[in-house]
């Protein structure tokens, strides 16, 4: 271990950690390029070429130019997934599927409410719909 002192080990680990973090950032940027619906063919191709040909500088330029909108797209994607999940739960809770058996449907709704999958308001609306 005399040839590789502790300080050199620390620096090696630090550079390795920074390299791994840069790889994560690179994948995030490339994913954002392809997820962006405002960019079209040549725009996406240009950014991908820049990020691949000049990886460190290209990622830095992308973050400077499009970093703010990158965060907005991430937030919008999360909100879209959340809305889709809630709509699915409402449809599943409201449609029943028990062959018109209101008791089974009501029990299923109560179970969803107990688990916290649906809110009290959603439970009341679905219950009124079943009992109507």
Protein backbone atom coordinates (compact mmCIF):
# COMPACT_ATOMS: atom_id res chain seq x y z
CA UNK A 1 0.00 0.00 0.00
CA UNK A 2 3.08 2.24 0.01
CA UNK A 3 2.69 2.88 -3.72
CA UNK A 4 -0.88 4.10 -3.32
CA UNK A 5 -1.23 6.41 -0.33
CA UNK A 6 -4.53 7.21 1.28
CA UNK A 7 -4.67 10.67 -0.32
CA UNK A 8 -4.39 9.17 -3.80
CA UNK A 9 -7.17 6.74 -2.93
CA UNK A 10 -9.33 9.65 -1.80
CA UNK A 11 -8.72 11.55 -5.06
CA UNK A 12 -9.42 8.45 -7.13
CA UNK A 13 -12.71 7.87 -5.32
CA UNK A 14 -13.66 11.53 -5.71
CA UNK A 15 -13.00 11.52 -9.47
CA UNK A 16 -14.88 8.22 -9.83
CA UNK A 17 -17.85 9.66 -7.92
CA UNK A 18 -17.86 12.80 -10.10
CA UNK A 19 -17.68 10.67 -13.25
CA UNK A 20 -20.68 8.57 -12.12
CA UNK A 21 -22.63 11.74 -11.27
CA UNK A 22 -21.83 13.13 -14.73
CA UNK A 23 -23.10 9.90 -16.33
CA UNK A 24 -26.39 10.28 -14.43
CA UNK A 25 -26.63 13.88 -15.63
CA UNK A 26 -25.84 12.83 -19.20
CA UNK A 27 -28.64 10.23 -19.18
CA UNK A 28 -31.03 12.78 -17.68
CA UNK A 29 -30.20 15.30 -20.42
CA UNK A 30 -30.55 12.76 -23.23
CA UNK A 31 -33.86 11.58 -21.76
CA UNK A 32 -35.07 15.17 -21.54
CA UNK A 33 -34.11 15.81 -25.16
CA UNK A 34 -36.28 12.92 -26.34
CA UNK A 35 -39.13 13.67 -23.90
CA UNK A 36 -39.45 17.32 -24.98
CA UNK A 37 -42.45 17.69 -27.29
CA UNK A 38 -41.52 21.25 -28.31
CA UNK A 39 -38.28 20.11 -29.95
CA UNK A 40 -38.67 18.44 -33.31
CA UNK A 41 -36.42 16.30 -35.50
CA UNK A 42 -33.49 18.58 -36.31
CA UNK A 43 -33.51 20.25 -32.91
CA UNK A 44 -33.32 16.92 -31.12
CA UNK A 45 -30.67 15.66 -33.53
CA UNK A 46 -28.59 18.80 -32.98
CA UNK A 47 -28.69 18.53 -29.20
CA UNK A 48 -27.88 14.80 -29.28
CA UNK A 49 -24.92 15.38 -31.60
CA UNK A 50 -23.66 18.22 -29.38
CA UNK A 51 -24.00 16.10 -26.24
CA UNK A 52 -22.24 13.10 -27.86
CA UNK A 53 -19.48 14.95 -29.72
CA UNK A 54 -18.66 17.39 -26.92
CA UNK A 55 -20.00 15.52 -23.90
CA UNK A 56 -18.93 17.75 -20.99
CA UNK A 57 -19.37 21.05 -22.80
CA UNK A 58 -22.56 19.88 -24.55
CA UNK A 59 -24.23 18.87 -21.27
CA UNK A 60 -23.16 22.15 -19.67
CA UNK A 61 -24.54 24.17 -22.62
CA UNK A 62 -27.81 22.20 -22.51
CA UNK A 63 -28.22 22.88 -18.79
CA UNK A 64 -27.54 26.59 -19.27
CA UNK A 65 -29.88 26.99 -22.24
CA UNK A 66 -32.69 24.59 -21.33
CA UNK A 67 -32.21 23.81 -17.63
CA UNK A 68 -35.20 25.81 -16.39
CA UNK A 69 -37.61 24.23 -18.87
CA UNK A 70 -36.11 20.83 -18.03
CA UNK A 71 -37.43 21.15 -14.47
CA UNK A 72 -40.84 22.27 -15.72
CA UNK A 73 -41.07 19.23 -18.01
CA UNK A 74 -40.19 16.92 -15.11
CA UNK A 75 -42.88 18.51 -12.95
CA UNK A 76 -45.46 18.28 -15.75
CA UNK A 77 -44.64 14.60 -16.31
CA UNK A 78 -45.16 13.84 -12.61
CA UNK A 79 -48.46 15.74 -12.57
CA UNK A 80 -49.65 13.90 -15.70
CA UNK A 81 -48.81 10.50 -14.19
CA UNK A 82 -50.58 11.45 -10.94
CA UNK A 83 -53.71 12.60 -12.78
CA UNK A 84 -53.73 9.43 -14.89
CA UNK A 85 -53.44 7.27 -11.77
CA UNK A 86 -56.25 9.12 -10.01
CA UNK A 87 -58.47 8.84 -13.09
CA UNK A 88 -57.74 5.11 -13.27
CA UNK A 89 -58.64 4.63 -9.61
CA UNK A 90 -61.86 6.61 -10.03
CA UNK A 91 -62.82 4.60 -13.10
CA UNK A 92 -61.98 1.31 -11.42
CA UNK A 93 -63.89 2.23 -8.27
CA UNK A 94 -66.87 3.63 -10.14
CA UNK A 95 -67.27 0.95 -12.79
CA UNK A 96 -67.55 -1.93 -10.36
CA UNK A 97 -67.11 -5.06 -12.40
CA UNK A 98 -69.10 -7.21 -10.03
CA UNK A 99 -71.90 -7.87 -12.50
CA UNK A 100 -74.19 -5.23 -11.01
CA UNK A 101 -73.76 -6.48 -7.46
CA UNK A 102 -73.90 -3.21 -5.48
CA UNK A 103 -72.81 -4.82 -2.22
CA UNK A 104 -69.52 -6.06 -3.70
CA UNK A 105 -68.93 -2.70 -5.37
CA UNK A 106 -69.59 -0.84 -2.13
CA UNK A 107 -67.26 -3.16 -0.21
CA UNK A 108 -64.56 -2.59 -2.83
CA UNK A 109 -65.01 1.18 -2.51
CA UNK A 110 -64.78 1.00 1.27
CA UNK A 111 -61.56 -1.00 0.98
CA UNK A 112 -60.06 1.56 -1.40
CA UNK A 113 -61.00 4.35 1.01
CA UNK A 114 -59.49 2.53 4.00
CA UNK A 115 -56.20 2.01 2.13
CA UNK A 116 -56.13 5.71 1.27
CA UNK A 117 -56.28 5.11 -2.48
CA UNK A 118 -59.35 7.33 -2.87
CA UNK A 119 -60.36 10.38 -0.88
CA UNK A 120 -63.54 10.77 1.16
CA UNK A 121 -65.07 12.95 -1.56
CA UNK A 122 -64.32 10.36 -4.24
CA UNK A 123 -65.78 7.66 -2.00
CA UNK A 124 -69.00 9.63 -1.46
CA UNK A 125 -69.40 10.37 -5.18
CA UNK A 126 -68.84 6.75 -6.15
CA UNK A 127 -71.20 5.56 -3.41
CA UNK A 128 -73.95 7.92 -4.58
CA UNK A 129 -73.42 6.70 -8.13
CA UNK A 130 -73.77 3.07 -7.01
CA UNK A 131 -76.83 3.67 -4.91
CA UNK A 132 -78.61 5.77 -7.54
